[in-house]
Amino acid sequence: KKKKAAVDVALRKSDRRKLRATALEYFASTYESTEPLQEILDSVFLQDTLLVRKLTNHPQLNRVQLYFRGPSSSPTENEESTITTVNNITQWPYTETTECVWLSIDLGPGEEPLECPSVALWSVLPPPTLSQEIVVVPPPVSKFLCRGAHLMCAGIRQLPSGKSGSIVPICIQGNPQPFAVGR
């Protein structure tokens, strides 16, 4: 029996608004105020096309939904390609590739889906302001995490104070910009 290939489907505007609201709710735990994020999340979730890919063939997971944002338009001749802010608002930096911005994992009947921002989304947001909700690791640990290793207690400098099992950004000590997301 042949497996069906995953198909990316464009999200309706109402679904994009719901996803943006979910993202704002998520980021309330890592930022003192979500007001500065609203314009950025509007540009990520409401401008251009947002695609969803539903993965259901995985035997260990019930259903995973990946949300992708297409590349932004290329800069004009008068703009530099390295511009990341316009009027102090961070713009989508990916001009050539489609990037995953959000994941939603269905954990089964009666349980809330696990919602998780991707590293690509974290890359356009300002660093988290509530440091008690992030995991901080020393610089040498990042090499192993980026290669797929599990994070062990010996590699953690700061643990989040939130509930166990919640999704948190992982940062390198001295650099507040997350490079990974974990649970």
N, C-alpha and C. Protein backbone atom coordinates (compact mmCIF):
# COMPACT_ATOMS: atom_id res chain seq x y z
N LYS A 1 0.84 -1.19 0.00
CA LYS A 1 0.00 0.00 0.00
C LYS A 1 0.88 1.24 0.00
N LYS A 2 0.64 2.11 -0.95
CA LYS A 2 1.42 3.32 -1.09
C LYS A 2 0.95 4.38 -0.11
N LYS A 3 1.93 5.07 0.52
CA LYS A 3 1.59 6.17 1.41
C LYS A 3 1.35 7.42 0.59
N LYS A 4 0.38 8.20 1.02
CA LYS A 4 0.11 9.47 0.34
C LYS A 4 1.16 10.49 0.74
N ALA A 5 1.59 11.29 -0.21
CA ALA A 5 2.53 12.37 0.07
C ALA A 5 1.82 13.49 0.81
N ALA A 6 2.55 14.13 1.71
CA ALA A 6 1.98 15.26 2.44
C ALA A 6 1.70 16.40 1.48
N VAL A 7 0.57 17.03 1.67
CA VAL A 7 0.16 18.13 0.80
C VAL A 7 0.01 19.39 1.65
N ASP A 8 0.59 20.48 1.16
CA ASP A 8 0.45 21.75 1.85
C ASP A 8 -0.81 22.44 1.33
N VAL A 9 -1.64 22.87 2.28
CA VAL A 9 -2.91 23.52 1.93
C VAL A 9 -2.90 24.92 2.53
N ALA A 10 -3.33 25.89 1.74
CA ALA A 10 -3.40 27.27 2.23
C ALA A 10 -4.47 27.39 3.31
N LEU A 11 -4.14 28.12 4.37
CA LEU A 11 -5.09 28.34 5.46
C LEU A 11 -6.03 29.49 5.13
N ARG A 12 -7.27 29.34 5.56
CA ARG A 12 -8.22 30.44 5.41
C ARG A 12 -7.84 31.55 6.39
N LYS A 13 -8.30 32.75 6.10
CA LYS A 13 -7.95 33.91 6.94
C LYS A 13 -8.44 33.71 8.39
N SER A 14 -9.61 33.12 8.57
CA SER A 14 -10.13 32.90 9.93
C SER A 14 -9.24 31.92 10.69
N ASP A 15 -8.71 30.90 10.02
CA ASP A 15 -7.80 29.95 10.67
C ASP A 15 -6.46 30.60 10.98
N ARG A 16 -6.02 31.51 10.12
CA ARG A 16 -4.78 32.23 10.38
C ARG A 16 -4.94 33.13 11.61
N ARG A 17 -6.11 33.75 11.75
CA ARG A 17 -6.36 34.59 12.94
C ARG A 17 -6.37 33.74 14.21
N LYS A 18 -6.98 32.55 14.14
CA LYS A 18 -7.00 31.65 15.31
C LYS A 18 -5.58 31.23 15.69
N LEU A 19 -4.77 30.92 14.70
CA LEU A 19 -3.38 30.52 14.95
C LEU A 19 -2.59 31.67 15.56
N ARG A 20 -2.82 32.89 15.07
CA ARG A 20 -2.17 34.06 15.64
C ARG A 20 -2.58 34.25 17.10
N ALA A 21 -3.86 34.06 17.39
CA ALA A 21 -4.34 34.17 18.78
C ALA A 21 -3.69 33.11 19.67
N THR A 22 -3.54 31.91 19.15
CA THR A 22 -2.87 30.84 19.90
C THR A 22 -1.43 31.22 20.18
N ALA A 23 -0.76 31.80 19.18
CA ALA A 23 0.63 32.23 19.36
C ALA A 23 0.73 33.33 20.41
N LEU A 24 -0.17 34.30 20.37
CA LEU A 24 -0.15 35.37 21.38
C LEU A 24 -0.35 34.81 22.78
N GLU A 25 -1.25 33.85 22.91
CA GLU A 25 -1.50 33.22 24.21
C GLU A 25 -0.25 32.48 24.69
N TYR A 26 0.41 31.78 23.77
CA TYR A 26 1.64 31.06 24.12
C TYR A 26 2.71 32.04 24.61
N PHE A 27 2.94 33.12 23.87
CA PHE A 27 4.01 34.04 24.19
C PHE A 27 3.74 34.88 25.43
N ALA A 28 2.53 34.87 25.94
CA ALA A 28 2.22 35.60 27.18
C ALA A 28 3.06 35.06 28.35
N SER A 29 3.49 33.79 28.27
CA SER A 29 4.28 33.22 29.36
C SER A 29 5.77 33.54 29.24
N THR A 30 6.23 34.05 28.10
CA THR A 30 7.65 34.34 27.94
C THR A 30 7.96 35.82 27.76
N TYR A 31 6.92 36.66 27.69
CA TYR A 31 7.11 38.10 27.54
C TYR A 31 6.26 38.82 28.57
N GLU A 32 6.79 39.91 29.10
CA GLU A 32 6.04 40.72 30.06
C GLU A 32 4.79 41.29 29.42
N SER A 33 4.92 41.72 28.18
CA SER A 33 3.79 42.28 27.44
C SER A 33 3.83 41.75 26.02
N THR A 34 2.67 41.38 25.51
CA THR A 34 2.62 40.87 24.13
C THR A 34 2.34 41.99 23.12
N GLU A 35 2.15 43.21 23.61
CA GLU A 35 1.87 44.32 22.69
C GLU A 35 2.92 44.50 21.60
N PRO A 36 4.23 44.47 21.94
CA PRO A 36 5.23 44.64 20.88
C PRO A 36 5.21 43.48 19.87
N LEU A 37 4.72 42.33 20.28
CA LEU A 37 4.71 41.16 19.41
C LEU A 37 3.55 41.16 18.43
N GLN A 38 2.50 41.89 18.73
CA GLN A 38 1.29 41.81 17.91
C GLN A 38 1.54 42.15 16.45
N GLU A 39 2.31 43.22 16.19
CA GLU A 39 2.58 43.61 14.81
C GLU A 39 3.43 42.57 14.09
N ILE A 40 4.40 42.02 14.81
CA ILE A 40 5.27 40.99 14.22
C ILE A 40 4.45 39.75 13.90
N LEU A 41 3.62 39.31 14.85
CA LEU A 41 2.80 38.11 14.62
C LEU A 41 1.77 38.35 13.52
N ASP A 42 1.26 39.58 13.42
CA ASP A 42 0.36 39.92 12.31
C ASP A 42 1.07 39.72 10.97
N SER A 43 2.31 40.20 10.88
CA SER A 43 3.03 40.08 9.61
C SER A 43 3.37 38.62 9.31
N VAL A 44 3.65 37.82 10.34
CA VAL A 44 3.99 36.41 10.11
C VAL A 44 2.75 35.60 9.75
N PHE A 45 1.66 35.77 10.50
CA PHE A 45 0.49 34.90 10.34
C PHE A 45 -0.58 35.45 9.39
N LEU A 46 -0.67 36.76 9.23
CA LEU A 46 -1.77 37.32 8.46
C LEU A 46 -1.38 37.86 7.09
N GLN A 47 -0.10 38.16 6.87
CA GLN A 47 0.34 38.64 5.56
C GLN A 47 0.89 37.46 4.77
N ASP A 48 0.83 37.54 3.49
CA ASP A 48 1.30 36.48 2.60
C ASP A 48 0.51 35.19 2.87
N THR A 49 1.00 34.09 2.35
CA THR A 49 0.29 32.82 2.45
C THR A 49 0.82 31.99 3.61
N LEU A 50 -0.07 31.39 4.35
CA LEU A 50 0.30 30.46 5.41
C LEU A 50 -0.25 29.10 5.02
N LEU A 51 0.60 28.09 5.04
CA LEU A 51 0.23 26.75 4.62
C LEU A 51 0.21 25.80 5.80
N VAL A 52 -0.62 24.78 5.73
CA VAL A 52 -0.65 23.75 6.77
C VAL A 52 -0.38 22.40 6.10
N ARG A 53 0.44 21.60 6.76
CA ARG A 53 0.72 20.24 6.31
C ARG A 53 0.32 19.32 7.46
N LYS A 54 -0.61 18.42 7.20
CA LYS A 54 -1.07 17.48 8.22
C LYS A 54 -0.37 16.15 8.03
N LEU A 55 0.29 15.70 9.07
CA LEU A 55 0.99 14.43 9.04
C LEU A 55 0.22 13.44 9.90
N THR A 56 -0.28 12.40 9.31
CA THR A 56 -1.06 11.42 10.08
C THR A 56 -0.53 10.00 9.95
N ASN A 57 0.51 9.79 9.15
CA ASN A 57 1.01 8.45 8.92
C ASN A 57 2.00 7.96 9.97
N HIS A 58 2.39 8.82 10.89
CA HIS A 58 3.36 8.43 11.90
C HIS A 58 2.70 7.52 12.92
N PRO A 59 3.25 6.32 13.16
CA PRO A 59 2.59 5.35 14.04
C PRO A 59 2.57 5.76 15.52
N GLN A 60 3.52 6.60 15.96
CA GLN A 60 3.58 6.96 17.38
C GLN A 60 2.85 8.25 17.71
N LEU A 61 2.47 9.00 16.70
CA LEU A 61 1.78 10.26 16.95
C LEU A 61 0.39 10.21 16.35
N ASN A 62 -0.57 10.81 17.02
CA ASN A 62 -1.92 10.82 16.50
C ASN A 62 -2.02 11.70 15.26
N ARG A 63 -1.68 12.95 15.40
CA ARG A 63 -1.74 13.87 14.27
C ARG A 63 -0.85 15.07 14.56
N VAL A 64 -0.04 15.41 13.58
CA VAL A 64 0.84 16.57 13.69
C VAL A 64 0.49 17.52 12.57
N GLN A 65 0.37 18.80 12.91
CA GLN A 65 0.14 19.82 11.90
C GLN A 65 1.32 20.78 11.92
N LEU A 66 1.92 20.97 10.76
CA LEU A 66 3.01 21.92 10.61
C LEU A 66 2.49 23.10 9.83
N TYR A 67 2.77 24.29 10.31
CA TYR A 67 2.32 25.51 9.65
C TYR A 67 3.54 26.19 9.02
N PHE A 68 3.46 26.47 7.73
CA PHE A 68 4.58 27.05 6.98
C PHE A 68 4.22 28.43 6.47
N ARG A 69 5.23 29.29 6.44
CA ARG A 69 5.09 30.61 5.83
C ARG A 69 6.02 30.65 4.64
N GLY A 70 5.50 31.12 3.54
CA GLY A 70 6.29 31.22 2.32
C GLY A 70 7.31 32.33 2.42
N PRO A 71 8.21 32.41 1.45
CA PRO A 71 9.22 33.46 1.46
C PRO A 71 8.58 34.83 1.28
N SER A 72 9.19 35.82 1.91
CA SER A 72 8.70 37.20 1.71
C SER A 72 9.23 37.70 0.39
N SER A 73 8.66 38.79 -0.07
CA SER A 73 9.13 39.35 -1.35
C SER A 73 10.56 39.84 -1.19
N SER A 74 11.31 39.75 -2.24
CA SER A 74 12.72 40.17 -2.20
C SER A 74 12.80 41.68 -2.08
N PRO A 75 13.88 42.18 -1.47
CA PRO A 75 14.03 43.63 -1.35
C PRO A 75 14.21 44.29 -2.72
N THR A 76 13.82 45.55 -2.78
CA THR A 76 13.98 46.29 -4.03
C THR A 76 15.44 46.69 -4.19
N GLU A 77 15.78 47.33 -5.31
CA GLU A 77 17.16 47.72 -5.57
C GLU A 77 17.69 48.69 -4.52
N ASN A 78 16.82 49.55 -3.99
CA ASN A 78 17.25 50.56 -3.02
C ASN A 78 17.39 50.00 -1.62
N GLU A 79 16.89 48.80 -1.37
CA GLU A 79 16.97 48.20 -0.05
C GLU A 79 18.10 47.19 -0.01
N GLU A 80 18.70 47.04 1.14
CA GLU A 80 19.72 46.01 1.31
C GLU A 80 19.02 44.72 1.71
N SER A 81 19.62 43.60 1.34
CA SER A 81 19.00 42.31 1.65
C SER A 81 19.12 41.96 3.13
N THR A 82 19.96 42.69 3.89
CA THR A 82 20.13 42.38 5.30
C THR A 82 19.19 43.17 6.19
N ILE A 83 18.32 43.99 5.62
CA ILE A 83 17.39 44.77 6.43
C ILE A 83 16.45 43.82 7.15
N THR A 84 16.38 43.94 8.48
CA THR A 84 15.49 43.07 9.23
C THR A 84 14.42 43.85 9.96
N THR A 85 14.54 45.20 9.97
CA THR A 85 13.51 45.98 10.63
C THR A 85 13.08 47.13 9.73
N VAL A 86 11.82 47.44 9.78
CA VAL A 86 11.26 48.60 9.10
C VAL A 86 10.38 49.28 10.12
N ASN A 87 10.67 50.54 10.43
CA ASN A 87 9.95 51.26 11.49
C ASN A 87 9.98 50.49 12.80
N ASN A 88 11.15 49.95 13.13
CA ASN A 88 11.37 49.19 14.36
C ASN A 88 10.54 47.91 14.46
N ILE A 89 10.02 47.42 13.35
CA ILE A 89 9.27 46.17 13.32
C ILE A 89 10.10 45.15 12.56
N THR A 90 10.34 44.01 13.17
CA THR A 90 11.12 42.96 12.52
C THR A 90 10.32 42.38 11.37
N GLN A 91 10.98 42.23 10.23
CA GLN A 91 10.34 41.68 9.04
C GLN A 91 10.78 40.24 8.84
N TRP A 92 9.99 39.49 8.09
CA TRP A 92 10.30 38.10 7.81
C TRP A 92 11.59 38.04 6.99
N PRO A 93 12.66 37.42 7.52
CA PRO A 93 13.96 37.47 6.85
C PRO A 93 14.15 36.45 5.73
N TYR A 94 13.26 35.47 5.64
CA TYR A 94 13.44 34.39 4.68
C TYR A 94 12.81 34.78 3.34
N THR A 95 13.66 35.09 2.37
CA THR A 95 13.16 35.56 1.08
C THR A 95 13.20 34.49 0.00
N GLU A 96 13.81 33.34 0.28
CA GLU A 96 13.94 32.31 -0.75
C GLU A 96 13.36 30.97 -0.35
N THR A 97 13.11 30.75 0.93
CA THR A 97 12.66 29.43 1.38
C THR A 97 11.35 29.52 2.15
N THR A 98 10.62 28.43 2.16
CA THR A 98 9.42 28.31 2.97
C THR A 98 9.85 27.74 4.31
N GLU A 99 9.44 28.36 5.40
CA GLU A 99 9.88 27.96 6.74
C GLU A 99 8.69 27.57 7.61
N CYS A 100 8.88 26.56 8.43
CA CYS A 100 7.87 26.17 9.41
C CYS A 100 7.87 27.21 10.52
N VAL A 101 6.67 27.70 10.90
CA VAL A 101 6.58 28.70 11.96
C VAL A 101 5.88 28.17 13.20
N TRP A 102 5.11 27.10 13.07
CA TRP A 102 4.33 26.62 14.21
C TRP A 102 4.07 25.12 14.06
N LEU A 103 4.00 24.43 15.18
CA LEU A 103 3.66 23.00 15.19
C LEU A 103 2.51 22.79 16.15
N SER A 104 1.63 21.90 15.80
CA SER A 104 0.52 21.52 16.67
C SER A 104 0.46 20.00 16.68
N ILE A 105 0.59 19.40 17.87
CA ILE A 105 0.61 17.96 18.01
C ILE A 105 -0.60 17.52 18.83
N ASP A 106 -1.44 16.70 18.22
CA ASP A 106 -2.61 16.15 18.89
C ASP A 106 -2.15 15.02 19.79
N LEU A 107 -2.37 15.14 21.08
CA LEU A 107 -1.90 14.14 22.04
C LEU A 107 -2.93 13.04 22.33
N GLY A 108 -4.06 13.13 21.72
CA GLY A 108 -5.07 12.09 21.91
C GLY A 108 -6.37 12.65 22.44
N PRO A 109 -7.37 11.78 22.57
CA PRO A 109 -8.69 12.23 23.03
C PRO A 109 -8.63 12.78 24.46
N GLY A 110 -9.32 13.88 24.64
CA GLY A 110 -9.42 14.48 25.97
C GLY A 110 -8.23 15.33 26.38
N GLU A 111 -7.21 15.42 25.55
CA GLU A 111 -6.04 16.22 25.89
C GLU A 111 -5.92 17.39 24.93
N GLU A 112 -5.44 18.51 25.46
CA GLU A 112 -5.20 19.69 24.64
C GLU A 112 -4.03 19.42 23.70
N PRO A 113 -4.09 19.90 22.46
CA PRO A 113 -2.94 19.72 21.57
C PRO A 113 -1.73 20.49 22.08
N LEU A 114 -0.57 19.97 21.80
CA LEU A 114 0.67 20.60 22.18
C LEU A 114 1.02 21.62 21.10
N GLU A 115 1.06 22.90 21.47
CA GLU A 115 1.34 23.99 20.53
C GLU A 115 2.78 24.44 20.73
N CYS A 116 3.50 24.66 19.63
CA CYS A 116 4.92 24.96 19.74
C CYS A 116 5.38 25.88 18.62
N PRO A 117 6.00 27.02 18.95
CA PRO A 117 6.58 27.86 17.90
C PRO A 117 7.88 27.24 17.40
N SER A 118 8.23 27.52 16.17
CA SER A 118 9.48 27.00 15.62
C SER A 118 10.62 27.99 15.86
N VAL A 119 11.82 27.52 15.63
CA VAL A 119 12.99 28.40 15.77
C VAL A 119 12.93 29.52 14.74
N ALA A 120 12.37 29.25 13.55
CA ALA A 120 12.25 30.30 12.54
C ALA A 120 11.36 31.44 13.05
N LEU A 121 10.30 31.12 13.78
CA LEU A 121 9.45 32.17 14.35
C LEU A 121 10.20 32.91 15.46
N TRP A 122 10.89 32.17 16.33
CA TRP A 122 11.67 32.82 17.39
C TRP A 122 12.70 33.77 16.80
N SER A 123 13.22 33.47 15.59
CA SER A 123 14.28 34.29 15.01
C SER A 123 13.81 35.69 14.65
N VAL A 124 12.52 35.89 14.44
CA VAL A 124 12.03 37.23 14.10
C VAL A 124 11.47 37.98 15.30
N LEU A 125 11.39 37.31 16.45
CA LEU A 125 10.87 37.93 17.66
C LEU A 125 12.00 38.49 18.49
N PRO A 126 11.72 39.52 19.30
CA PRO A 126 12.75 39.98 20.23
C PRO A 126 13.02 38.90 21.27
N PRO A 127 14.19 38.90 21.90
CA PRO A 127 14.48 37.89 22.92
C PRO A 127 13.43 37.90 24.03
N PRO A 128 13.14 36.74 24.62
CA PRO A 128 12.14 36.68 25.69
C PRO A 128 12.51 37.59 26.85
N THR A 129 11.51 38.25 27.44
CA THR A 129 11.77 39.17 28.55
C THR A 129 11.59 38.51 29.91
N LEU A 130 10.89 37.40 29.98
CA LEU A 130 10.71 36.70 31.24
C LEU A 130 11.73 35.57 31.29
N SER A 131 12.89 35.86 31.86
CA SER A 131 13.99 34.89 31.84
C SER A 131 13.68 33.63 32.64
N GLN A 132 12.69 33.68 33.53
CA GLN A 132 12.35 32.48 34.30
C GLN A 132 11.63 31.44 33.46
N GLU A 133 11.27 31.77 32.23
CA GLU A 133 10.55 30.83 31.37
C GLU A 133 11.40 30.31 30.22
N ILE A 134 12.74 30.41 30.34
CA ILE A 134 13.61 29.88 29.31
C ILE A 134 14.64 28.94 29.92
N VAL A 135 15.21 28.08 29.10
CA VAL A 135 16.30 27.20 29.52
C VAL A 135 17.59 27.82 28.98
N VAL A 136 18.59 27.94 29.85
CA VAL A 136 19.87 28.51 29.45
C VAL A 136 20.93 27.41 29.55
N VAL A 137 21.71 27.29 28.46
CA VAL A 137 22.77 26.28 28.42
C VAL A 137 24.10 26.97 28.13
N PRO A 138 25.23 26.35 28.55
CA PRO A 138 26.53 26.92 28.21
C PRO A 138 26.80 26.75 26.71
N PRO A 139 27.64 27.62 26.13
CA PRO A 139 27.89 27.56 24.68
C PRO A 139 28.30 26.20 24.12
N PRO A 140 29.15 25.41 24.77
CA PRO A 140 29.54 24.12 24.17
C PRO A 140 28.37 23.14 24.00
N VAL A 141 27.33 23.29 24.79
CA VAL A 141 26.19 22.36 24.72
C VAL A 141 25.40 22.55 23.43
N SER A 142 25.39 23.77 22.90
CA SER A 142 24.58 24.04 21.71
C SER A 142 25.00 23.18 20.52
N LYS A 143 26.26 22.89 20.39
CA LYS A 143 26.75 22.07 19.28
C LYS A 143 26.06 20.69 19.30
N PHE A 144 25.95 20.10 20.46
CA PHE A 144 25.37 18.77 20.58
C PHE A 144 23.85 18.79 20.39
N LEU A 145 23.20 19.84 20.92
CA LEU A 145 21.74 19.96 20.74
C LEU A 145 21.38 20.15 19.27
N CYS A 146 22.18 20.95 18.57
CA CYS A 146 21.91 21.18 17.14
C CYS A 146 22.14 19.92 16.31
N ARG A 147 22.89 18.99 16.83
CA ARG A 147 23.11 17.72 16.15
C ARG A 147 22.10 16.66 16.55
N GLY A 148 21.14 17.02 17.41
CA GLY A 148 20.06 16.10 17.76
C GLY A 148 20.15 15.44 19.11
N ALA A 149 21.13 15.79 19.93
CA ALA A 149 21.25 15.18 21.26
C ALA A 149 20.15 15.67 22.19
N HIS A 150 19.82 14.85 23.17
CA HIS A 150 18.87 15.24 24.21
C HIS A 150 19.60 16.11 25.23
N LEU A 151 18.90 17.07 25.79
CA LEU A 151 19.48 17.95 26.80
C LEU A 151 19.44 17.25 28.14
N MET A 152 20.60 17.16 28.79
CA MET A 152 20.68 16.51 30.10
C MET A 152 20.89 17.57 31.19
N CYS A 153 20.58 17.22 32.41
CA CYS A 153 20.67 18.18 33.53
C CYS A 153 22.04 18.83 33.64
N ALA A 154 23.11 18.07 33.37
CA ALA A 154 24.45 18.63 33.49
C ALA A 154 24.68 19.78 32.50
N GLY A 155 23.91 19.84 31.42
CA GLY A 155 24.09 20.88 30.43
C GLY A 155 23.18 22.08 30.62
N ILE A 156 22.49 22.17 31.75
CA ILE A 156 21.53 23.25 31.98
C ILE A 156 22.07 24.21 33.03
N ARG A 157 22.07 25.51 32.70
CA ARG A 157 22.48 26.53 33.67
C ARG A 157 21.29 27.17 34.36
N GLN A 158 20.14 27.17 33.69
CA GLN A 158 18.94 27.78 34.27
C GLN A 158 17.72 27.02 33.78
N LEU A 159 16.89 26.61 34.72
CA LEU A 159 15.65 25.90 34.39
C LEU A 159 14.47 26.86 34.44
N PRO A 160 13.44 26.61 33.64
CA PRO A 160 12.23 27.45 33.73
C PRO A 160 11.47 27.15 35.01
N SER A 161 10.75 28.14 35.50
CA SER A 161 9.97 27.96 36.73
C SER A 161 8.56 27.47 36.44
N GLY A 162 8.18 27.38 35.17
CA GLY A 162 6.83 26.96 34.79
C GLY A 162 6.59 25.49 35.05
N LYS A 163 5.41 25.03 34.64
CA LYS A 163 5.05 23.64 34.87
C LYS A 163 5.89 22.71 34.00
N SER A 164 6.12 21.53 34.52
CA SER A 164 6.91 20.53 33.81
C SER A 164 6.18 20.09 32.55
N GLY A 165 6.93 19.90 31.48
CA GLY A 165 6.33 19.45 30.23
C GLY A 165 5.90 20.57 29.30
N SER A 166 6.04 21.83 29.74
CA SER A 166 5.66 22.93 28.86
C SER A 166 6.77 23.19 27.84
N ILE A 167 6.41 23.75 26.71
CA ILE A 167 7.36 24.07 25.66
C ILE A 167 8.08 25.37 26.02
N VAL A 168 9.42 25.34 25.97
CA VAL A 168 10.21 26.52 26.35
C VAL A 168 11.31 26.75 25.32
N PRO A 169 11.71 28.02 25.17
CA PRO A 169 12.86 28.31 24.30
C PRO A 169 14.17 27.94 25.01
N ILE A 170 15.18 27.56 24.24
CA ILE A 170 16.49 27.22 24.77
C ILE A 170 17.48 28.24 24.23
N CYS A 171 18.21 28.88 25.14
CA CYS A 171 19.16 29.94 24.78
C CYS A 171 20.56 29.58 25.25
N ILE A 172 21.54 30.16 24.61
CA ILE A 172 22.92 30.01 25.03
C ILE A 172 23.21 31.09 26.07
N GLN A 173 23.97 30.74 27.10
CA GLN A 173 24.33 31.69 28.12
C GLN A 173 25.03 32.89 27.48
N GLY A 174 24.53 34.09 27.76
CA GLY A 174 25.09 35.31 27.19
C GLY A 174 24.43 35.75 25.89
N ASN A 175 23.55 34.91 25.32
CA ASN A 175 22.85 35.26 24.10
C ASN A 175 21.36 34.97 24.33
N PRO A 176 20.53 36.00 24.46
CA PRO A 176 19.13 35.78 24.82
C PRO A 176 18.25 35.27 23.66
N GLN A 177 18.79 35.20 22.43
CA GLN A 177 17.98 34.74 21.29
C GLN A 177 17.93 33.22 21.27
N PRO A 178 16.73 32.62 21.35
CA PRO A 178 16.63 31.16 21.36
C PRO A 178 17.17 30.52 20.07
N PHE A 179 17.85 29.39 20.25
CA PHE A 179 18.35 28.64 19.09
C PHE A 179 17.65 27.29 18.97
N ALA A 180 16.84 26.94 19.97
CA ALA A 180 16.10 25.68 19.93
C ALA A 180 14.86 25.83 20.80
N VAL A 181 13.93 24.90 20.61
CA VAL A 181 12.71 24.85 21.40
C VAL A 181 12.60 23.44 21.95
N GLY A 182 12.23 23.33 23.21
CA GLY A 182 12.16 21.99 23.80
C GLY A 182 11.10 21.88 24.86
N ARG A 183 10.97 20.67 25.36
CA ARG A 183 9.96 20.37 26.38
C ARG A 183 10.59 19.72 27.57
